[in-house]
Amino acid sequence: MTVFVNRLRLVAYAEDVIRGKQVVDRRPAVCGIPYTRSRWGRNDVTVMVPLDDVQALAEFVLSN
């Protein structure tokens, strides 16, 4: 399955999910907690979200 989500909608969703939460150094076991991911010299902040939430934001979905 391939899910296509408008980038601006995804950014707004992610910002809303992490608003007011502390960034942690290790990958959390639960969704919605932002964590740092330093790879290749970058200081990225990552957040896990449920696939159902991403599918709800989808413009369209392609099934294989």
Protein backbone atom coordinates (compact mmCIF):
# COMPACT_ATOMS: atom_id res chain seq x y z
CA MET A 1 0.00 0.00 0.00
CA THR A 2 1.26 3.45 -0.91
CA VAL A 3 -0.21 6.45 0.91
CA PHE A 4 0.05 9.95 -0.58
CA VAL A 5 -0.27 12.79 1.93
CA ASN A 6 -0.04 16.51 1.21
CA ARG A 7 3.22 17.68 2.78
CA LEU A 8 1.70 20.79 4.38
CA ARG A 9 -1.09 18.74 5.99
CA LEU A 10 1.49 16.27 7.32
CA VAL A 11 3.67 19.05 8.76
CA ALA A 12 0.68 20.69 10.45
CA TYR A 13 -0.38 17.31 11.89
CA ALA A 14 3.14 16.57 13.21
CA GLU A 15 3.48 20.02 14.78
CA ASP A 16 0.11 19.58 16.48
CA VAL A 17 1.07 16.12 17.81
CA ILE A 18 4.36 17.26 19.38
CA ARG A 19 3.19 20.66 20.66
CA GLY A 20 4.10 21.03 24.34
CA LYS A 21 6.03 17.75 24.56
CA GLN A 22 9.65 17.35 25.61
CA VAL A 23 12.07 15.99 22.99
CA VAL A 24 13.84 12.82 24.21
CA ASP A 25 17.16 11.26 23.19
CA ARG A 26 15.97 7.68 22.67
CA ARG A 27 13.22 6.26 20.51
CA PRO A 28 10.13 5.99 22.71
CA ALA A 29 7.88 2.93 22.76
CA VAL A 30 4.71 4.99 22.29
CA CYS A 31 3.56 7.24 19.44
CA GLY A 32 3.52 11.02 19.69
CA ILE A 33 6.76 11.59 21.62
CA PRO A 34 9.36 13.52 19.61
CA TYR A 35 12.91 12.16 19.72
CA THR A 36 16.27 13.15 18.28
CA ARG A 37 17.81 11.11 15.55
CA SER A 38 21.39 12.08 14.80
CA ARG A 39 22.49 10.40 11.60
CA TRP A 40 25.03 11.56 9.10
CA GLY A 41 25.80 14.62 11.22
CA ARG A 42 22.20 15.91 11.21
CA ASN A 43 20.12 16.82 14.24
CA ASP A 44 16.70 15.63 13.09
CA VAL A 45 13.64 15.43 15.34
CA THR A 46 11.41 12.46 14.55
CA VAL A 47 7.99 11.41 15.80
CA MET A 48 6.19 8.09 15.36
CA VAL A 49 2.51 8.33 14.49
CA PRO A 50 -0.14 5.65 14.05
CA LEU A 51 -0.63 4.50 10.46
CA ASP A 52 -4.37 5.08 10.85
CA ASP A 53 -3.69 8.79 11.42
CA VAL A 54 -1.54 8.99 8.29
CA GLN A 55 -4.19 7.20 6.26
CA ALA A 56 -6.81 9.65 7.54
CA LEU A 57 -4.68 12.51 6.15
CA ALA A 58 -4.15 10.78 2.79
CA GLU A 59 -5.04 12.46 -0.46
CA PHE A 60 -5.28 9.00 -2.00
CA VAL A 61 -4.06 5.43 -1.46
CA LEU A 62 -2.71 2.96 -4.01
CA SER A 63 -3.17 -0.71 -3.18
CA ASN A 64 -0.73 -3.27 -4.55
